[in-house]
Amino acid sequence: METIVRCNIYRIRQEKNYTQEYMADELCISQSQYCKKENGTQKFSFEEIVKISRILNIELKDIFDTE
């Protein structure tokens, strides 16, 4: 599930042309921290995932979608 979440966040972020730096700023973390989370070195908290859905203007379920 964690891999699906990371892949979906990455894909949707790319589709919207948002940079890691933009996402990090919106989450109030450093770009390097965001990169580690998106690459799987660190985990996104559920609170961060909820914030990401708002930043990307998508429903939370879209982040967990397996298709």
PDB file of N, CA and C in Angstrom:
ATOM      1  N   MET A   1       0.826  -1.202   0.000  1.00  0.00           N
ATOM      2  CA  MET A   1       0.000   0.000   0.000  1.00  0.00           C
ATOM      3  C   MET A   1       0.865   1.259   0.000  1.00  0.00           C
ATOM      4  N   GLU A   2       1.948   1.223   0.756  1.00  0.00           N
ATOM      5  CA  GLU A   2       2.822   2.395   0.833  1.00  0.00           C
ATOM      6  C   GLU A   2       3.384   2.764  -0.539  1.00  0.00           C
ATOM      7  N   THR A   3       3.772   1.747  -1.315  1.00  0.00           N
ATOM      8  CA  THR A   3       4.310   1.991  -2.653  1.00  0.00           C
ATOM      9  C   THR A   3       3.258   2.604  -3.562  1.00  0.00           C
ATOM     10  N   ILE A   4       2.035   2.122  -3.464  1.00  0.00           N
ATOM     11  CA  ILE A   4       0.931   2.658  -4.270  1.00  0.00           C
ATOM     12  C   ILE A   4       0.719   4.131  -3.951  1.00  0.00           C
ATOM     13  N   VAL A   5       0.722   4.455  -2.668  1.00  0.00           N
ATOM     14  CA  VAL A   5       0.521   5.841  -2.235  1.00  0.00           C
ATOM     15  C   VAL A   5       1.623   6.729  -2.810  1.00  0.00           C
ATOM     16  N   ARG A   6       2.871   6.312  -2.655  1.00  0.00           N
ATOM     17  CA  ARG A   6       3.998   7.107  -3.155  1.00  0.00           C
ATOM     18  C   ARG A   6       3.929   7.274  -4.671  1.00  0.00           C
ATOM     19  N   CYS A   7       3.624   6.206  -5.379  1.00  0.00           N
ATOM     20  CA  CYS A   7       3.532   6.268  -6.848  1.00  0.00           C
ATOM     21  C   CYS A   7       2.401   7.185  -7.302  1.00  0.00           C
ATOM     22  N   ASN A   8       1.275   7.107  -6.635  1.00  0.00           N
ATOM     23  CA  ASN A   8       0.145   7.964  -6.994  1.00  0.00           C
ATOM     24  C   ASN A   8       0.443   9.428  -6.715  1.00  0.00           C
ATOM     25  N   ILE A   9       1.060   9.702  -5.580  1.00  0.00           N
ATOM     26  CA  ILE A   9       1.431  11.085  -5.258  1.00  0.00           C
ATOM     27  C   ILE A   9       2.387  11.616  -6.314  1.00  0.00           C
ATOM     28  N   TYR A  10       3.397  10.825  -6.647  1.00  0.00           N
ATOM     29  CA  TYR A  10       4.381  11.236  -7.649  1.00  0.00           C
ATOM     30  C   TYR A  10       3.697  11.487  -8.999  1.00  0.00           C
ATOM     31  N   ARG A  11       2.887  10.547  -9.455  1.00  0.00           N
ATOM     32  CA  ARG A  11       2.235  10.655 -10.752  1.00  0.00           C
ATOM     33  C   ARG A  11       1.342  11.890 -10.841  1.00  0.00           C
ATOM     34  N   ILE A  12       0.519  12.084  -9.819  1.00  0.00           N
ATOM     35  CA  ILE A  12      -0.409  13.218  -9.832  1.00  0.00           C
ATOM     36  C   ILE A  12       0.353  14.535  -9.722  1.00  0.00           C
ATOM     37  N   ARG A  13       1.399  14.545  -8.910  1.00  0.00           N
ATOM     38  CA  ARG A  13       2.228  15.759  -8.783  1.00  0.00           C
ATOM     39  C   ARG A  13       2.837  16.113 -10.139  1.00  0.00           C
ATOM     40  N   GLN A  14       3.330  15.117 -10.859  1.00  0.00           N
ATOM     41  CA  GLN A  14       3.916  15.348 -12.181  1.00  0.00           C
ATOM     42  C   GLN A  14       2.857  15.846 -13.171  1.00  0.00           C
ATOM     43  N   GLU A  15       1.672  15.251 -13.121  1.00  0.00           N
ATOM     44  CA  GLU A  15       0.586  15.663 -14.019  1.00  0.00           C
ATOM     45  C   GLU A  15       0.223  17.127 -13.816  1.00  0.00           C
ATOM     46  N   LYS A  16       0.328  17.592 -12.587  1.00  0.00           N
ATOM     47  CA  LYS A  16      -0.028  18.977 -12.266  1.00  0.00           C
ATOM     48  C   LYS A  16       1.169  19.918 -12.383  1.00  0.00           C
ATOM     49  N   ASN A  17       2.312  19.361 -12.770  1.00  0.00           N
ATOM     50  CA  ASN A  17       3.546  20.142 -12.918  1.00  0.00           C
ATOM     51  C   ASN A  17       3.959  20.846 -11.625  1.00  0.00           C
ATOM     52  N   TYR A  18       3.742  20.183 -10.500  1.00  0.00           N
ATOM     53  CA  TYR A  18       4.182  20.709  -9.211  1.00  0.00           C
ATOM     54  C   TYR A  18       5.565  20.139  -8.899  1.00  0.00           C
ATOM     55  N   THR A  19       6.439  20.987  -8.409  1.00  0.00           N
ATOM     56  CA  THR A  19       7.781  20.537  -8.055  1.00  0.00           C
ATOM     57  C   THR A  19       7.789  19.964  -6.637  1.00  0.00           C
ATOM     58  N   GLN A  20       8.838  19.215  -6.347  1.00  0.00           N
ATOM     59  CA  GLN A  20       9.011  18.725  -4.978  1.00  0.00           C
ATOM     60  C   GLN A  20       9.170  19.912  -4.023  1.00  0.00           C
ATOM     61  N   GLU A  21       9.841  20.947  -4.488  1.00  0.00           N
ATOM     62  CA  GLU A  21      10.028  22.128  -3.649  1.00  0.00           C
ATOM     63  C   GLU A  21       8.690  22.784  -3.302  1.00  0.00           C
ATOM     64  N   TYR A  22       7.790  22.872  -4.280  1.00  0.00           N
ATOM     65  CA  TYR A  22       6.465  23.439  -4.030  1.00  0.00           C
ATOM     66  C   TYR A  22       5.714  22.595  -2.999  1.00  0.00           C
ATOM     67  N   MET A  23       5.730  21.284  -3.194  1.00  0.00           N
ATOM     68  CA  MET A  23       5.030  20.389  -2.271  1.00  0.00           C
ATOM     69  C   MET A  23       5.617  20.518  -0.862  1.00  0.00           C
ATOM     70  N   ALA A  24       6.936  20.545  -0.791  1.00  0.00           N
ATOM     71  CA  ALA A  24       7.600  20.660   0.507  1.00  0.00           C
ATOM     72  C   ALA A  24       7.210  21.957   1.205  1.00  0.00           C
ATOM     73  N   ASP A  25       7.202  23.050   0.459  1.00  0.00           N
ATOM     74  CA  ASP A  25       6.812  24.339   1.043  1.00  0.00           C
ATOM     75  C   ASP A  25       5.393  24.292   1.586  1.00  0.00           C
ATOM     76  N   GLU A  26       4.492  23.688   0.824  1.00  0.00           N
ATOM     77  CA  GLU A  26       3.101  23.589   1.255  1.00  0.00           C
ATOM     78  C   GLU A  26       2.946  22.707   2.498  1.00  0.00           C
ATOM     79  N   LEU A  27       3.826  21.714   2.642  1.00  0.00           N
ATOM     80  CA  LEU A  27       3.783  20.811   3.802  1.00  0.00           C
ATOM     81  C   LEU A  27       4.634  21.315   4.963  1.00  0.00           C
ATOM     82  N   CYS A  28       5.336  22.425   4.745  1.00  0.00           N
ATOM     83  CA  CYS A  28       6.221  23.010   5.764  1.00  0.00           C
ATOM     84  C   CYS A  28       7.356  22.051   6.152  1.00  0.00           C
ATOM     85  N   ILE A  29       7.929  21.408   5.132  1.00  0.00           N
ATOM     86  CA  ILE A  29       9.100  20.557   5.345  1.00  0.00           C
ATOM     87  C   ILE A  29      10.129  20.944   4.276  1.00  0.00           C
ATOM     88  N   SER A  30      11.350  20.453   4.427  1.00  0.00           N
ATOM     89  CA  SER A  30      12.383  20.761   3.445  1.00  0.00           C
ATOM     90  C   SER A  30      12.159  19.933   2.175  1.00  0.00           C
ATOM     91  N   GLN A  31      12.747  20.404   1.089  1.00  0.00           N
ATOM     92  CA  GLN A  31      12.639  19.672  -0.173  1.00  0.00           C
ATOM     93  C   GLN A  31      13.303  18.312  -0.050  1.00  0.00           C
ATOM     94  N   SER A  32      14.413  18.232   0.680  1.00  0.00           N
ATOM     95  CA  SER A  32      15.100  16.942   0.835  1.00  0.00           C
ATOM     96  C   SER A  32      14.250  15.958   1.643  1.00  0.00           C
ATOM     97  N   GLN A  33      13.536  16.454   2.648  1.00  0.00           N
ATOM     98  CA  GLN A  33      12.625  15.583   3.409  1.00  0.00           C
ATOM     99  C   GLN A  33      11.513  15.069   2.501  1.00  0.00           C
ATOM    100  N   TYR A  34      10.955  15.965   1.687  1.00  0.00           N
ATOM    101  CA  TYR A  34       9.884  15.561   0.786  1.00  0.00           C
ATOM    102  C   TYR A  34      10.391  14.500  -0.185  1.00  0.00           C
ATOM    103  N   CYS A  35      11.568  14.720  -0.733  1.00  0.00           N
ATOM    104  CA  CYS A  35      12.161  13.773  -1.674  1.00  0.00           C
ATOM    105  C   CYS A  35      12.314  12.395  -1.028  1.00  0.00           C
ATOM    106  N   LYS A  36      12.788  12.354   0.199  1.00  0.00           N
ATOM    107  CA  LYS A  36      12.953  11.080   0.911  1.00  0.00           C
ATOM    108  C   LYS A  36      11.614  10.384   1.102  1.00  0.00           C
ATOM    109  N   LYS A  37      10.588  11.145   1.372  1.00  0.00           N
ATOM    110  CA  LYS A  37       9.259  10.555   1.570  1.00  0.00           C
ATOM    111  C   LYS A  37       8.698  10.039   0.249  1.00  0.00           C
ATOM    112  N   GLU A  38       8.858  10.817  -0.813  1.00  0.00           N
ATOM    113  CA  GLU A  38       8.326  10.403  -2.101  1.00  0.00           C
ATOM    114  C   GLU A  38       9.102   9.202  -2.660  1.00  0.00           C
ATOM    115  N   ASN A  39      10.377   9.106  -2.315  1.00  0.00           N
ATOM    116  CA  ASN A  39      11.201   7.987  -2.786  1.00  0.00           C
ATOM    117  C   ASN A  39      11.154   6.772  -1.871  1.00  0.00           C
ATOM    118  N   GLY A  40      10.515   6.899  -0.710  1.00  0.00           N
ATOM    119  CA  GLY A  40      10.329   5.758   0.170  1.00  0.00           C
ATOM    120  C   GLY A  40      11.365   5.581   1.260  1.00  0.00           C
ATOM    121  N   THR A  41      12.338   6.477   1.347  1.00  0.00           N
ATOM    122  CA  THR A  41      13.326   6.396   2.413  1.00  0.00           C
ATOM    123  C   THR A  41      12.674   6.708   3.762  1.00  0.00           C
ATOM    124  N   GLN A  42      11.736   7.644   3.741  1.00  0.00           N
ATOM    125  CA  GLN A  42      10.924   7.976   4.912  1.00  0.00           C
ATOM    126  C   GLN A  42       9.458   7.797   4.514  1.00  0.00           C
ATOM    127  N   LYS A  43       8.599   7.726   5.500  1.00  0.00           N
ATOM    128  CA  LYS A  43       7.172   7.530   5.229  1.00  0.00           C
ATOM    129  C   LYS A  43       6.400   8.838   5.403  1.00  0.00           C
ATOM    130  N   PHE A  44       5.381   9.010   4.545  1.00  0.00           N
ATOM    131  CA  PHE A  44       4.431  10.104   4.735  1.00  0.00           C
ATOM    132  C   PHE A  44       3.541   9.744   5.908  1.00  0.00           C
ATOM    133  N   SER A  45       3.257  10.700   6.774  1.00  0.00           N
ATOM    134  CA  SER A  45       2.266  10.476   7.826  1.00  0.00           C
ATOM    135  C   SER A  45       0.884  10.587   7.197  1.00  0.00           C
ATOM    136  N   PHE A  46      -0.125  10.061   7.884  1.00  0.00           N
ATOM    137  CA  PHE A  46      -1.474  10.164   7.354  1.00  0.00           C
ATOM    138  C   PHE A  46      -1.881  11.631   7.243  1.00  0.00           C
ATOM    139  N   GLU A  47      -1.478  12.443   8.210  1.00  0.00           N
ATOM    140  CA  GLU A  47      -1.774  13.875   8.182  1.00  0.00           C
ATOM    141  C   GLU A  47      -1.169  14.521   6.930  1.00  0.00           C
ATOM    142  N   GLU A  48       0.053  14.127   6.582  1.00  0.00           N
ATOM    143  CA  GLU A  48       0.688  14.660   5.376  1.00  0.00           C
ATOM    144  C   GLU A  48      -0.058  14.216   4.119  1.00  0.00           C
ATOM    145  N   ILE A  49      -0.522  12.988   4.105  1.00  0.00           N
ATOM    146  CA  ILE A  49      -1.271  12.484   2.949  1.00  0.00           C
ATOM    147  C   ILE A  49      -2.568  13.265   2.772  1.00  0.00           C
ATOM    148  N   VAL A  50      -3.229  13.574   3.867  1.00  0.00           N
ATOM    149  CA  VAL A  50      -4.455  14.380   3.798  1.00  0.00           C
ATOM    150  C   VAL A  50      -4.123  15.765   3.236  1.00  0.00           C
ATOM    151  N   LYS A  51      -3.039  16.373   3.722  1.00  0.00           N
ATOM    152  CA  LYS A  51      -2.626  17.690   3.219  1.00  0.00           C
ATOM    153  C   LYS A  51      -2.272  17.620   1.738  1.00  0.00           C
ATOM    154  N   ILE A  52      -1.599  16.566   1.337  1.00  0.00           N
ATOM    155  CA  ILE A  52      -1.223  16.398  -0.070  1.00  0.00           C
ATOM    156  C   ILE A  52      -2.459  16.323  -0.953  1.00  0.00           C
ATOM    157  N   SER A  53      -3.479  15.619  -0.496  1.00  0.00           N
ATOM    158  CA  SER A  53      -4.711  15.549  -1.293  1.00  0.00           C
ATOM    159  C   SER A  53      -5.308  16.943  -1.478  1.00  0.00           C
ATOM    160  N   ARG A  54      -5.202  17.777  -0.476  1.00  0.00           N
ATOM    161  CA  ARG A  54      -5.712  19.149  -0.588  1.00  0.00           C
ATOM    162  C   ARG A  54      -4.842  19.973  -1.528  1.00  0.00           C
ATOM    163  N   ILE A  55      -3.524  19.844  -1.393  1.00  0.00           N
ATOM    164  CA  ILE A  55      -2.597  20.577  -2.253  1.00  0.00           C
ATOM    165  C   ILE A  55      -2.817  20.209  -3.715  1.00  0.00           C
ATOM    166  N   LEU A  56      -2.993  18.923  -3.981  1.00  0.00           N
ATOM    167  CA  LEU A  56      -3.181  18.440  -5.345  1.00  0.00           C
ATOM    168  C   LEU A  56      -4.616  18.599  -5.834  1.00  0.00           C
ATOM    169  N   ASN A  57      -5.490  19.021  -4.918  1.00  0.00           N
ATOM    170  CA  ASN A  57      -6.907  19.230  -5.228  1.00  0.00           C
ATOM    171  C   ASN A  57      -7.545  17.945  -5.762  1.00  0.00           C
ATOM    172  N   ILE A  58      -7.324  16.858  -5.024  1.00  0.00           N
ATOM    173  CA  ILE A  58      -7.895  15.557  -5.380  1.00  0.00           C
ATOM    174  C   ILE A  58      -8.559  14.964  -4.148  1.00  0.00           C
ATOM    175  N   GLU A  59      -9.347  13.933  -4.365  1.00  0.00           N
ATOM    176  CA  GLU A  59      -9.961  13.235  -3.240  1.00  0.00           C
ATOM    177  C   GLU A  59      -8.920  12.315  -2.605  1.00  0.00           C
ATOM    178  N   LEU A  60      -9.027  12.116  -1.330  1.00  0.00           N
ATOM    179  CA  LEU A  60      -8.095  11.263  -0.604  1.00  0.00           C
ATOM    180  C   LEU A  60      -8.047   9.864  -1.200  1.00  0.00           C
ATOM    181  N   LYS A  61      -9.175   9.362  -1.643  1.00  0.00           N
ATOM    182  CA  LYS A  61      -9.226   8.006  -2.206  1.00  0.00           C
ATOM    183  C   LYS A  61      -8.351   7.869  -3.449  1.00  0.00           C
ATOM    184  N   ASP A  62      -8.145   8.974  -4.177  1.00  0.00           N
ATOM    185  CA  ASP A  62      -7.308   8.923  -5.379  1.00  0.00           C
ATOM    186  C   ASP A  62      -5.858   8.572  -5.043  1.00  0.00           C
ATOM    187  N   ILE A  63      -5.411   8.947  -3.881  1.00  0.00           N
ATOM    188  CA  ILE A  63      -4.044   8.635  -3.458  1.00  0.00           C
ATOM    189  C   ILE A  63      -3.901   7.155  -3.167  1.00  0.00           C
ATOM    190  N   PHE A  64      -4.974   6.515  -2.714  1.00  0.00           N
ATOM    191  CA  PHE A  64      -4.938   5.089  -2.356  1.00  0.00           C
ATOM    192  C   PHE A  64      -5.423   4.181  -3.483  1.00  0.00           C
ATOM    193  N   ASP A  65      -5.781   4.770  -4.629  1.00  0.00           N
ATOM    194  CA  ASP A  65      -6.322   4.017  -5.760  1.00  0.00           C
ATOM    195  C   ASP A  65      -5.279   3.055  -6.315  1.00  0.00           C
ATOM    196  N   THR A  66      -5.671   1.812  -6.545  1.00  0.00           N
ATOM    197  CA  THR A  66      -4.746   0.789  -7.042  1.00  0.00           C
ATOM    198  C   THR A  66      -4.766   0.649  -8.561  1.00  0.00           C
ATOM    199  N   GLU A  67      -5.588   1.407  -9.226  1.00  0.00           N
ATOM    200  CA  GLU A  67      -5.668   1.304 -10.700  1.00  0.00           C
ATOM    201  C   GLU A  67      -4.994   2.443 -11.383  1.00  0.00           C
TER     202      GLU A  67
END
